C-alpha atoms as a PDB file:
ATOM      1  CA  MET A   1     -52.960  59.083  43.962  1.00  0.00           C
ATOM      2  CA  ARG A   2     -49.635  57.691  45.117  1.00  0.00           C
ATOM      3  CA  CYS A   3     -51.311  54.353  45.753  1.00  0.00           C
ATOM      4  CA  LYS A   4     -52.719  54.327  42.218  1.00  0.00           C
ATOM      5  CA  ASN A   5     -49.306  55.090  40.686  1.00  0.00           C
ATOM      6  CA  TRP A   6     -47.739  52.369  42.820  1.00  0.00           C
ATOM      7  CA  MET A   7     -50.314  49.846  41.601  1.00  0.00           C
ATOM      8  CA  LEU A   8     -49.709  50.813  37.959  1.00  0.00           C
ATOM      9  CA  LYS A   9     -45.956  50.426  38.372  1.00  0.00           C
ATOM     10  CA  ARG A  10     -46.456  47.075  40.055  1.00  0.00           C
ATOM     11  CA  ARG A  11     -48.689  45.844  37.238  1.00  0.00           C
ATOM     12  CA  HIS A  12     -46.189  47.072  34.646  1.00  0.00           C
ATOM     13  CA  TYR A  13     -43.367  45.271  36.431  1.00  0.00           C
ATOM     14  CA  LEU A  14     -45.465  42.099  36.680  1.00  0.00           C
ATOM     15  CA  VAL A  15     -46.217  42.197  32.935  1.00  0.00           C
ATOM     16  CA  ILE A  16     -42.500  42.525  32.141  1.00  0.00           C
ATOM     17  CA  VAL A  17     -41.632  39.580  34.395  1.00  0.00           C
ATOM     18  CA  LEU A  18     -44.362  37.393  32.889  1.00  0.00           C
ATOM     19  CA  CYS A  19     -43.313  38.252  29.314  1.00  0.00           C
ATOM     20  CA  ALA A  20     -39.710  37.418  30.093  1.00  0.00           C
ATOM     21  CA  PHE A  21     -40.750  34.134  31.714  1.00  0.00           C
ATOM     22  CA  PHE A  22     -42.953  32.986  28.838  1.00  0.00           C
ATOM     23  CA  SER A  23     -40.412  34.108  26.259  1.00  0.00           C
ATOM     24  CA  GLN A  24     -37.704  32.021  27.912  1.00  0.00           C
ATOM     25  CA  THR A  25     -40.087  29.069  28.286  1.00  0.00           C
ATOM     26  CA  CYS A  26     -40.957  29.176  24.574  1.00  0.00           C
ATOM     27  CA  GLU A  27     -37.319  29.366  23.580  1.00  0.00           C
ATOM     28  CA  GLU A  28     -36.483  26.392  25.762  1.00  0.00           C
ATOM     29  CA  SER A  29     -39.395  24.328  24.433  1.00  0.00           C
ATOM     30  CA  LEU A  30     -38.385  24.653  20.755  1.00  0.00           C
ATOM     31  CA  PRO A  31     -35.719  22.035  19.981  1.00  0.00           C
ATOM     32  CA  THR A  32     -33.028  22.709  17.420  1.00  0.00           C
ATOM     33  CA  TYR A  33     -33.948  21.156  14.065  1.00  0.00           C
ATOM     34  CA  GLU A  34     -31.797  18.246  13.027  1.00  0.00           C
ATOM     35  CA  ALA A  35     -32.085  16.700   9.560  1.00  0.00           C
ATOM     36  CA  PRO A  36     -33.010  13.007   9.736  1.00  0.00           C
ATOM     37  CA  GLN A  37     -30.261  10.505   9.105  1.00  0.00           C
ATOM     38  CA  ASN A  38     -30.226   7.869   6.363  1.00  0.00           C
ATOM     39  CA  VAL A  39     -32.670   9.699   4.112  1.00  0.00           C
ATOM     40  CA  LEU A  40     -31.020   9.148   0.753  1.00  0.00           C
ATOM     41  CA  GLY A  41     -29.535   6.022  -0.773  1.00  0.00           C
ATOM     42  CA  VAL A  42     -27.414   6.205  -3.931  1.00  0.00           C
ATOM     43  CA  ASN A  43     -26.190   3.412  -6.184  1.00  0.00           C
ATOM     44  CA  VAL A  44     -24.954   2.795  -9.715  1.00  0.00           C
ATOM     45  CA  SER A  45     -27.785   0.756 -11.228  1.00  0.00           C
ATOM     46  CA  LEU A  46     -26.678   0.348 -14.844  1.00  0.00           C
ATOM     47  CA  VAL A  47     -23.454   0.317 -16.844  1.00  0.00           C
ATOM     48  CA  GLU A  48     -23.869  -0.500 -20.518  1.00  0.00           C
ATOM     49  CA  GLN A  49     -21.431  -0.507 -23.404  1.00  0.00           C
ATOM     50  CA  LEU A  50     -23.082   1.261 -26.332  1.00  0.00           C
ATOM     51  CA  ALA A  51     -23.532  -0.663 -29.560  1.00  0.00           C
ATOM     52  CA  ASP A  52     -21.188  -0.123 -32.514  1.00  0.00           C
ATOM     53  CA  ARG A  53     -23.882   1.648 -34.537  1.00  0.00           C
ATOM     54  CA  ILE A  54     -24.082   4.317 -31.807  1.00  0.00           C
ATOM     55  CA  ALA A  55     -20.436   4.448 -30.706  1.00  0.00           C
ATOM     56  CA  ARG A  56     -18.328   2.753 -33.339  1.00  0.00           C
ATOM     57  CA  PRO A  57     -14.909   1.136 -32.726  1.00  0.00           C
ATOM     58  CA  GLY A  58     -12.334   3.802 -31.977  1.00  0.00           C
ATOM     59  CA  ARG A  59     -15.018   6.000 -30.405  1.00  0.00           C
ATOM     60  CA  GLN A  60     -16.604   3.691 -27.872  1.00  0.00           C
ATOM     61  CA  MET A  61     -18.784   4.916 -25.020  1.00  0.00           C
ATOM     62  CA  GLU A  62     -20.319   3.687 -21.789  1.00  0.00           C
ATOM     63  CA  HIS A  63     -23.752   4.709 -20.515  1.00  0.00           C
ATOM     64  CA  ILE A  64     -23.953   4.908 -16.717  1.00  0.00           C
ATOM     65  CA  VAL A  65     -27.114   5.349 -14.639  1.00  0.00           C
ATOM     66  CA  VAL A  66     -27.084   6.479 -11.001  1.00  0.00           C
ATOM     67  CA  VAL A  67     -30.239   6.014  -8.917  1.00  0.00           C
ATOM     68  CA  GLY A  68     -31.133   7.927  -5.764  1.00  0.00           C
ATOM     69  CA  GLU A  69     -33.919   6.786  -3.439  1.00  0.00           C
ATOM     70  CA  ASN A  70     -35.679   8.085  -0.346  1.00  0.00           C
ATOM     71  CA  ILE A  71     -34.904   5.282   2.123  1.00  0.00           C
ATOM     72  CA  HIS A  72     -36.456   7.202   5.031  1.00  0.00           C
ATOM     73  CA  ASP A  73     -39.898   6.219   6.369  1.00  0.00           C
ATOM     74  CA  GLU A  74     -41.308   9.718   5.883  1.00  0.00           C
ATOM     75  CA  VAL A  75     -41.771  12.226   3.098  1.00  0.00           C
ATOM     76  CA  PHE A  76     -38.682  14.398   2.721  1.00  0.00           C
ATOM     77  CA  GLN A  77     -38.487  17.806   1.077  1.00  0.00           C
ATOM     78  CA  ASP A  78     -35.593  20.223   1.017  1.00  0.00           C
ATOM     79  CA  SER A  79     -33.794  22.687  -1.204  1.00  0.00           C
ATOM     80  CA  VAL A  80     -31.524  21.006  -3.723  1.00  0.00           C
ATOM     81  CA  ASN A  81     -28.041  21.725  -4.981  1.00  0.00           C
ATOM     82  CA  ILE A  82     -27.102  18.760  -7.132  1.00  0.00           C
ATOM     83  CA  ARG A  83     -23.372  18.332  -7.476  1.00  0.00           C
ATOM     84  CA  GLY A  84     -21.061  15.379  -7.280  1.00  0.00           C
ATOM     85  CA  THR A  85     -18.324  13.326  -8.856  1.00  0.00           C
ATOM     86  CA  MET A  86     -18.162  10.006 -10.633  1.00  0.00           C
ATOM     87  CA  ARG A  87     -14.676   8.524 -10.687  1.00  0.00           C
ATOM     88  CA  ILE A  88     -14.010   5.608 -13.030  1.00  0.00           C
ATOM     89  CA  TRP A  89     -10.671   3.856 -12.666  1.00  0.00           C
ATOM     90  CA  TRP A  90      -9.032   0.936 -14.415  1.00  0.00           C
ATOM     91  CA  GLN A  91      -8.399  -1.970 -12.051  1.00  0.00           C
ATOM     92  CA  ARG A  92      -5.340  -3.219 -13.935  1.00  0.00           C
ATOM     93  CA  LYS A  93      -3.914   0.291 -14.310  1.00  0.00           C
ATOM     94  CA  PRO A  94      -5.169   2.386 -11.354  1.00  0.00           C
ATOM     95  CA  GLY A  95      -3.287   5.417 -12.631  1.00  0.00           C
ATOM     96  CA  ARG A  96      -5.710   5.567 -15.546  1.00  0.00           C
ATOM     97  CA  TYR A  97      -8.981   7.113 -14.413  1.00  0.00           C
ATOM     98  CA  ARG A  98     -11.683   9.555 -15.419  1.00  0.00           C
ATOM     99  CA  THR A  99     -13.569  12.063 -13.271  1.00  0.00           C
ATOM    100  CA  ILE A 100     -17.046  13.035 -14.431  1.00  0.00           C
ATOM    101  CA  TYR A 101     -18.769  15.921 -12.651  1.00  0.00           C
ATOM    102  CA  LEU A 102     -22.478  15.531 -11.931  1.00  0.00           C
ATOM    103  CA  THR A 103     -24.959  18.423 -11.881  1.00  0.00           C
ATOM    104  CA  GLU A 104     -28.689  18.959 -12.225  1.00  0.00           C
ATOM    105  CA  GLN A 105     -28.171  18.601 -15.992  1.00  0.00           C
ATOM    106  CA  ASN A 106     -27.642  14.860 -15.404  1.00  0.00           C
ATOM    107  CA  LEU A 107     -30.998  14.526 -13.646  1.00  0.00           C
ATOM    108  CA  VAL A 108     -33.540  12.681 -15.803  1.00  0.00           C
ATOM    109  CA  GLU A 109     -36.693  13.668 -13.876  1.00  0.00           C
ATOM    110  CA  ARG A 110     -36.068  17.412 -13.746  1.00  0.00           C
ATOM    111  CA  ASN A 111     -39.758  18.035 -13.074  1.00  0.00           C
ATOM    112  CA  LEU A 112     -39.130  16.773  -9.528  1.00  0.00           C
ATOM    113  CA  VAL A 113     -37.351  20.051  -8.780  1.00  0.00           C
ATOM    114  CA  ARG A 114     -39.841  22.857  -8.224  1.00  0.00           C
ATOM    115  CA  ASN A 115     -38.899  26.287  -6.960  1.00  0.00           C
ATOM    116  CA  GLY A 116     -35.477  24.958  -6.058  1.00  0.00           C
ATOM    117  CA  LYS A 117     -36.847  22.135  -3.899  1.00  0.00           C
ATOM    118  CA  MET A 118     -37.453  18.424  -4.380  1.00  0.00           C
ATOM    119  CA  LEU A 119     -39.973  16.236  -2.567  1.00  0.00           C
ATOM    120  CA  LEU A 120     -39.567  12.467  -2.329  1.00  0.00           C
ATOM    121  CA  VAL A 121     -42.047  10.089  -0.720  1.00  0.00           C
ATOM    122  CA  PRO A 122     -40.665   6.930   0.924  1.00  0.00           C
ATOM    123  CA  GLY A 123     -39.279   4.600  -1.738  1.00  0.00           C
ATOM    124  CA  GLN A 124     -39.441   7.210  -4.510  1.00  0.00           C
ATOM    125  CA  GLN A 125     -36.445   7.261  -6.837  1.00  0.00           C
ATOM    126  CA  PHE A 126     -34.740   9.628  -9.243  1.00  0.00           C
ATOM    127  CA  THR A 127     -32.164   8.812 -11.906  1.00  0.00           C
ATOM    128  CA  MET A 128     -29.079  10.509 -13.287  1.00  0.00           C
ATOM    129  CA  ASP A 129     -27.539   9.753 -16.677  1.00  0.00           C
ATOM    130  CA  ALA A 130     -23.851  10.015 -17.541  1.00  0.00           C
ATOM    131  CA  TYR A 131     -21.786   9.019 -20.569  1.00  0.00           C
ATOM    132  CA  TRP A 132     -18.092   8.137 -20.675  1.00  0.00           C
ATOM    133  CA  ASN A 133     -16.079   8.263 -23.889  1.00  0.00           C
ATOM    134  CA  LEU A 134     -13.371   5.914 -22.557  1.00  0.00           C
ATOM    135  CA  LYS A 135     -10.911   8.765 -22.193  1.00  0.00           C
ATOM    136  CA  SER A 136      -8.889   9.338 -19.023  1.00  0.00           C
ATOM    137  CA  ASP A 137      -8.490  12.682 -17.280  1.00  0.00           C
ATOM    138  CA  ASP A 138      -5.352  13.230 -19.373  1.00  0.00           C
ATOM    139  CA  SER A 139      -7.363  12.626 -22.601  1.00  0.00           C
ATOM    140  CA  LEU A 140      -5.911   9.188 -23.390  1.00  0.00           C
ATOM    141  CA  TYR A 141      -8.335   6.867 -25.202  1.00  0.00           C
ATOM    142  CA  LEU A 142      -7.940   3.825 -22.961  1.00  0.00           C
ATOM    143  CA  PRO A 143      -8.677   1.038 -25.502  1.00  0.00           C
ATOM    144  CA  THR A 144      -5.349   1.937 -27.138  1.00  0.00           C
ATOM    145  CA  GLU A 145      -3.667   0.422 -24.041  1.00  0.00           C
ATOM    146  CA  MET A 146      -5.701  -2.791 -24.082  1.00  0.00           C
ATOM    147  CA  ASN A 147      -4.468  -6.140 -25.344  1.00  0.00           C
ATOM    148  CA  PHE A 148      -5.256  -6.712 -29.035  1.00  0.00           C
ATOM    149  CA  ALA A 149      -2.334  -9.092 -29.678  1.00  0.00           C
ATOM    150  CA  ARG A 150      -2.853 -11.473 -32.643  1.00  0.00           C
ATOM    151  CA  LEU A 151      -5.514  -9.185 -34.010  1.00  0.00           C
ATOM    152  CA  THR A 152      -6.822 -11.529 -36.711  1.00  0.00           C
ATOM    153  CA  GLN A 153      -7.391 -14.233 -34.099  1.00  0.00           C
ATOM    154  CA  ARG A 154      -9.625 -11.933 -32.080  1.00  0.00           C
ATOM    155  CA  VAL A 155     -12.468 -11.571 -34.568  1.00  0.00           C
ATOM    156  CA  CYS A 156     -15.682 -11.046 -32.599  1.00  0.00           C
ATOM    157  CA  ASP A 157     -17.869  -9.499 -35.302  1.00  0.00           C
ATOM    158  CA  TYR A 158     -17.684  -8.704 -38.985  1.00  0.00           C
ATOM    159  CA  ASN A 159     -14.341  -6.916 -39.494  1.00  0.00           C
ATOM    160  CA  ILE A 160     -14.140  -6.301 -35.719  1.00  0.00           C
ATOM    161  CA  ALA A 161     -11.530  -7.567 -33.239  1.00  0.00           C
ATOM    162  CA  CYS A 162     -12.065  -7.561 -29.479  1.00  0.00           C
ATOM    163  CA  SER A 163      -9.569  -6.960 -26.689  1.00  0.00           C
ATOM    164  CA  ASP A 164      -9.167  -8.937 -23.497  1.00  0.00           C
ATOM    165  CA  PRO A 165     -11.913  -8.037 -20.996  1.00  0.00           C
ATOM    166  CA  GLU A 166     -10.888  -5.252 -18.620  1.00  0.00           C
ATOM    167  CA  VAL A 167     -12.396  -4.455 -15.220  1.00  0.00           C
ATOM    168  CA  PHE A 168     -13.217  -0.877 -14.219  1.00  0.00           C
ATOM    169  CA  ILE A 169     -14.584   0.469 -10.940  1.00  0.00           C
ATOM    170  CA  ILE A 170     -17.029   3.352 -10.513  1.00  0.00           C
ATOM    171  CA  GLU A 171     -17.138   5.448  -7.330  1.00  0.00           C
ATOM    172  CA  VAL A 172     -19.863   8.081  -6.922  1.00  0.00           C
ATOM    173  CA  SER A 173     -20.165  10.862  -4.355  1.00  0.00           C
ATOM    174  CA  LEU A 174     -23.369  12.883  -4.705  1.00  0.00           C
ATOM    175  CA  ASN A 175     -24.895  15.896  -2.956  1.00  0.00           C
ATOM    176  CA  VAL A 176     -28.607  16.379  -3.635  1.00  0.00           C
ATOM    177  CA  PHE A 177     -30.245  17.964  -0.577  1.00  0.00           C
ATOM    178  CA  ASP A 178     -28.546  20.870   1.175  1.00  0.00           C
ATOM    179  CA  ARG A 179     -29.204  19.572   4.700  1.00  0.00           C
ATOM    180  CA  ILE A 180     -28.002  16.020   4.031  1.00  0.00           C
ATOM    181  CA  GLY A 181     -24.685  16.637   2.287  1.00  0.00           C
ATOM    182  CA  TYR A 182     -22.691  14.139   0.246  1.00  0.00           C
ATOM    183  CA  VAL A 183     -23.765  10.505   0.019  1.00  0.00           C
ATOM    184  CA  GLN A 184     -21.410   7.775  -1.206  1.00  0.00           C
ATOM    185  CA  ALA A 185     -22.582   5.003  -3.513  1.00  0.00           C
ATOM    186  CA  PRO A 186     -21.143   1.497  -3.099  1.00  0.00           C
ATOM    187  CA  PRO A 187     -18.304   0.900  -5.612  1.00  0.00           C
ATOM    188  CA  LYS A 188     -19.539  -0.675  -8.844  1.00  0.00           C
ATOM    189  CA  GLU A 189     -17.395  -2.999 -10.963  1.00  0.00           C
ATOM    190  CA  PHE A 190     -18.010  -3.532 -14.651  1.00  0.00           C
ATOM    191  CA  THR A 191     -16.240  -5.249 -17.521  1.00  0.00           C
ATOM    192  CA  PHE A 192     -15.335  -3.465 -20.726  1.00  0.00           C
ATOM    193  CA  ILE A 193     -14.192  -4.993 -24.020  1.00  0.00           C
ATOM    194  CA  GLY A 194     -12.358  -2.824 -26.510  1.00  0.00           C
ATOM    195  CA  ARG A 195     -13.338  -3.121 -30.164  1.00  0.00           C
ATOM    196  CA  VAL A 196     -11.280  -2.107 -33.216  1.00  0.00           C
ATOM    197  CA  CYS A 197     -11.756  -2.339 -36.954  1.00  0.00           C
ATOM    198  CA  ILE A 198      -9.507  -4.943 -38.562  1.00  0.00           C
ATOM    199  CA  SER A 199      -9.599  -3.246 -41.967  1.00  0.00           C
ATOM    200  CA  CYS A 200     -10.639   0.352 -42.453  1.00  0.00           C
ATOM    201  CA  GLY A 201     -13.407   1.061 -44.946  1.00  0.00           C
ATOM    202  CA  ILE A 202     -15.049  -2.358 -44.696  1.00  0.00           C
ATOM    203  CA  GLY A 203     -18.427  -2.821 -43.054  1.00  0.00           C
ATOM    204  CA  PRO A 204     -21.060  -0.382 -41.782  1.00  0.00           C
ATOM    205  CA  VAL A 205     -19.218   0.634 -38.600  1.00  0.00           C
ATOM    206  CA  CYS A 206     -15.723   0.943 -40.085  1.00  0.00           C
ATOM    207  CA  PRO A 207     -15.982   3.734 -42.674  1.00  0.00           C
ATOM    208  CA  PRO A 208     -12.763   5.065 -44.214  1.00  0.00           C
ATOM    209  CA  PRO A 209     -11.071   8.265 -42.998  1.00  0.00           C
ATOM    210  CA  PRO A 210     -11.682  11.032 -42.299  1.00  0.00           C
ATOM    211  CA  GLY A 211     -14.990   9.894 -40.849  1.00  0.00           C
ATOM    212  CA  GLY A 212     -13.958   6.563 -39.394  1.00  0.00           C
ATOM    213  CA  CYS A 213     -11.261   4.157 -38.228  1.00  0.00           C
ATOM    214  CA  GLY A 214      -9.713   6.811 -36.048  1.00  0.00           C
END
Protein backbone atom coordinates (compact mmCIF):
# COMPACT_ATOMS: atom_id res chain seq x y z
CA MET A 1 0.00 0.00 0.00
CA ARG A 2 2.78 2.40 0.92
CA CYS A 3 4.58 1.46 -2.27
CA LYS A 4 1.47 2.22 -4.32
CA ASN A 5 1.04 5.64 -2.67
CA TRP A 6 4.71 6.39 -3.26
CA MET A 7 4.35 5.53 -6.95
CA LEU A 8 1.27 7.76 -7.29
CA LYS A 9 3.07 10.67 -5.65
CA ARG A 10 6.07 10.13 -7.90
CA ARG A 11 3.89 10.11 -11.01
CA HIS A 12 2.09 13.25 -9.84
CA TYR A 13 5.41 15.00 -9.24
CA LEU A 14 6.68 13.89 -12.66
CA VAL A 15 3.56 15.27 -14.37
CA ILE A 16 4.04 18.64 -12.64
CA VAL A 17 7.69 18.80 -13.69
CA LEU A 18 6.87 17.90 -17.30
CA CYS A 19 4.06 20.47 -17.49
CA ALA A 20 6.33 23.17 -16.13
CA PHE A 21 9.06 22.21 -18.61
CA PHE A 22 6.80 22.23 -21.67
CA SER A 23 5.09 25.42 -20.55
CA GLN A 24 8.43 27.21 -20.28
CA THR A 25 9.58 25.75 -23.61
CA CYS A 26 6.43 27.01 -25.36
CA GLU A 27 6.81 30.46 -23.86
CA GLU A 28 10.42 30.64 -24.98
CA SER A 29 9.60 29.47 -28.51
CA LEU A 30 7.00 32.19 -29.18
CA PRO A 31 8.80 35.37 -30.27
CA THR A 32 7.40 38.78 -29.44
CA TYR A 33 5.45 40.19 -32.39
CA GLU A 34 7.05 43.16 -34.06
CA ALA A 35 5.22 45.14 -36.75
CA PRO A 36 7.13 45.15 -40.04
CA GLN A 37 9.00 48.29 -40.95
CA ASN A 38 8.45 50.39 -44.07
CA VAL A 39 4.89 49.20 -44.65
CA LEU A 40 3.24 52.47 -45.58
CA GLY A 41 4.37 55.22 -47.93
CA VAL A 42 2.61 58.59 -47.98
CA ASN A 43 2.91 61.44 -50.47
CA VAL A 44 1.02 64.48 -51.72
CA SER A 45 0.08 63.46 -55.26
CA LEU A 46 -2.03 66.40 -56.44
CA VAL A 47 -2.42 70.10 -55.69
CA GLU A 48 -4.86 71.93 -57.94
CA GLN A 49 -6.20 75.46 -57.89
CA LEU A 50 -9.96 75.29 -58.39
CA ALA A 51 -11.45 77.10 -61.36
CA ASP A 52 -13.18 80.47 -60.95
CA ARG A 53 -16.62 78.97 -61.60
CA ILE A 54 -16.14 76.72 -58.54
CA ALA A 55 -14.16 79.06 -56.28
CA ARG A 56 -14.46 82.57 -57.62
CA PRO A 57 -11.93 85.39 -57.04
CA GLY A 58 -12.00 86.46 -53.41
CA ARG A 59 -12.98 82.94 -52.35
CA GLN A 60 -10.30 80.82 -53.97
CA MET A 61 -9.59 77.23 -52.95
CA GLU A 62 -6.99 74.53 -53.42
CA HIS A 63 -7.77 70.83 -53.76
CA ILE A 64 -5.10 68.58 -52.25
CA VAL A 65 -4.85 64.79 -52.61
CA VAL A 66 -2.75 62.60 -50.31
CA VAL A 67 -1.99 59.03 -51.39
CA GLY A 68 -1.00 56.17 -49.09
CA GLU A 69 0.45 52.92 -50.44
CA ASN A 70 1.44 49.53 -49.07
CA ILE A 71 5.15 49.47 -49.97
CA HIS A 72 5.72 46.21 -48.08
CA ASP A 73 6.12 42.92 -49.99
CA GLU A 74 3.29 41.24 -48.08
CA VAL A 75 -0.38 41.79 -47.38
CA PHE A 76 -0.85 44.00 -44.33
CA GLN A 77 -3.95 44.26 -42.16
CA ASP A 78 -4.38 46.09 -38.89
CA SER A 79 -6.84 48.18 -36.93
CA VAL A 80 -7.01 51.76 -38.15
CA ASN A 81 -7.19 55.10 -36.40
CA ILE A 82 -6.80 57.69 -39.12
CA ARG A 83 -5.56 61.00 -37.81
CA GLY A 84 -2.96 63.45 -38.97
CA THR A 85 -2.05 66.99 -39.89
CA MET A 86 -1.45 68.84 -43.12
CA ARG A 87 0.53 72.03 -42.66
CA ILE A 88 0.64 74.50 -45.54
CA TRP A 89 3.04 77.41 -45.20
CA TRP A 90 3.93 80.35 -47.40
CA GLN A 91 7.57 80.26 -48.49
CA ARG A 92 7.90 84.04 -48.74
CA LYS A 93 6.11 84.60 -45.43
CA PRO A 94 6.72 81.51 -43.24
CA GLY A 95 4.68 83.03 -40.43
CA ARG A 96 1.58 82.60 -42.58
CA TYR A 97 0.45 78.98 -42.48
CA ARG A 98 -2.60 76.77 -42.22
CA THR A 99 -3.05 73.51 -40.32
CA ILE A 100 -5.64 71.09 -41.65
CA TYR A 101 -6.52 68.07 -39.50
CA LEU A 102 -7.02 64.77 -41.30
CA THR A 103 -9.46 62.06 -40.18
CA GLU A 104 -11.28 59.10 -41.66
CA GLN A 105 -13.73 61.63 -43.14
CA ASN A 106 -10.99 62.60 -45.63
CA LEU A 107 -10.62 59.01 -46.82
CA VAL A 108 -12.05 58.53 -50.31
CA GLU A 109 -12.23 54.71 -50.30
CA ARG A 110 -14.04 54.29 -46.99
CA ASN A 111 -15.14 50.79 -48.00
CA LEU A 112 -11.55 49.68 -47.34
CA VAL A 113 -12.24 49.97 -43.61
CA ARG A 114 -14.26 47.01 -42.37
CA ASN A 115 -14.93 46.31 -38.72
CA GLY A 116 -12.34 48.90 -37.79
CA LYS A 117 -9.58 47.28 -39.86
CA MET A 118 -8.05 47.89 -43.27
CA LEU A 119 -6.30 45.37 -45.51
CA LEU A 120 -3.85 46.44 -48.21
CA VAL A 121 -2.13 44.11 -50.66
CA PRO A 122 1.36 45.07 -51.87
CA GLY A 123 1.15 48.16 -54.07
CA GLN A 124 -2.47 48.92 -53.14
CA GLN A 125 -3.23 52.59 -52.56
CA PHE A 126 -5.80 54.72 -50.80
CA THR A 127 -6.47 58.43 -51.23
CA MET A 128 -7.42 61.29 -48.95
CA ASP A 129 -9.02 64.54 -50.11
CA ALA A 130 -8.57 67.93 -48.47
CA TYR A 131 -9.59 71.46 -49.43
CA TRP A 132 -7.92 74.72 -48.41
CA ASN A 133 -9.72 78.05 -48.58
CA LEU A 134 -6.47 80.07 -48.64
CA LYS A 135 -6.98 81.22 -45.07
CA SER A 136 -4.24 81.02 -42.44
CA ASP A 137 -4.69 79.64 -38.94
CA ASP A 138 -5.51 83.19 -37.81
CA SER A 139 -8.28 83.43 -40.48
CA LEU A 140 -6.43 85.82 -42.81
CA TYR A 141 -7.30 85.36 -46.49
CA LEU A 142 -3.76 85.17 -47.86
CA PRO A 143 -4.34 86.58 -51.38
CA THR A 144 -4.95 89.96 -49.71
CA GLU A 145 -1.20 90.00 -48.93
CA MET A 146 -0.09 89.11 -52.45
CA ASN A 147 1.27 91.56 -55.00
CA PHE A 148 -1.44 93.03 -57.24
CA ALA A 149 0.41 96.29 -57.98
CA ARG A 150 -0.64 98.01 -61.24
CA LEU A 151 -3.87 96.06 -61.22
CA THR A 152 -5.01 96.99 -64.73
CA GLN A 153 -1.71 95.75 -66.15
CA ARG A 154 -2.25 92.32 -64.62
CA VAL A 155 -5.29 91.27 -66.64
CA CYS A 156 -5.19 87.48 -67.00
CA ASP A 157 -8.84 86.81 -67.85
CA TYR A 158 -12.00 88.76 -68.54
CA ASN A 159 -12.26 91.33 -65.73
CA ILE A 160 -9.70 89.33 -63.70
CA ALA A 161 -6.24 90.40 -62.51
CA CYS A 162 -3.60 87.94 -61.33
CA SER A 163 -1.00 88.33 -58.59
CA ASP A 164 2.65 87.39 -58.75
CA PRO A 165 3.10 83.61 -58.39
CA GLU A 166 3.65 82.53 -54.79
CA VAL A 167 5.24 79.29 -53.58
CA PHE A 168 3.69 77.27 -50.75
CA ILE A 169 4.93 74.09 -49.09
CA ILE A 170 2.79 71.21 -47.81
CA GLU A 171 3.96 68.93 -44.98
CA VAL A 172 1.85 65.90 -44.04
CA SER A 173 2.10 63.64 -41.00
CA LEU A 174 -0.39 60.76 -41.06
CA ASN A 175 -1.30 57.89 -38.74
CA VAL A 176 -3.34 55.14 -40.39
CA PHE A 177 -2.49 51.80 -38.74
CA ASP A 178 -2.25 51.57 -34.96
CA ARG A 179 0.92 49.44 -34.96
CA ILE A 180 2.83 51.59 -37.45
CA GLY A 181 2.29 55.08 -36.05
CA TYR A 182 2.85 58.36 -37.85
CA VAL A 183 4.37 58.45 -41.33
CA GLN A 184 5.80 61.64 -42.84
CA ALA A 185 5.24 62.56 -46.47
CA PRO A 186 8.02 64.31 -48.40
CA PRO A 187 7.43 68.10 -48.48
CA LYS A 188 5.48 69.20 -51.55
CA GLU A 189 5.93 72.61 -53.18
CA PHE A 190 3.25 74.22 -55.30
CA THR A 191 2.66 77.59 -56.92
CA PHE A 192 -0.45 79.64 -56.30
CA ILE A 193 -1.67 82.69 -58.22
CA GLY A 194 -4.15 85.02 -56.58
CA ARG A 195 -7.06 86.26 -58.68
CA VAL A 196 -9.23 89.34 -58.06
CA CYS A 197 -12.07 91.02 -59.90
CA ILE A 198 -11.04 94.30 -61.51
CA SER A 199 -14.59 95.67 -61.51
CA CYS A 200 -17.35 94.26 -59.34
CA GLY A 201 -20.56 93.20 -61.05
CA ILE A 202 -18.99 92.51 -64.45
CA GLY A 203 -18.64 89.00 -65.79
CA PRO A 204 -19.95 85.62 -64.63
CA VAL A 205 -17.52 85.17 -61.73
CA CYS A 206 -17.62 88.73 -60.39
CA PRO A 207 -21.24 89.27 -59.29
CA PRO A 208 -22.06 92.41 -57.30
CA PRO A 209 -22.39 92.40 -53.49
CA PRO A 210 -23.64 90.89 -51.32
CA GLY A 211 -23.02 87.69 -53.25
CA GLY A 212 -19.69 88.50 -54.84
CA CYS A 213 -16.54 90.62 -55.01
CA GLY A 214 -15.88 90.09 -51.34
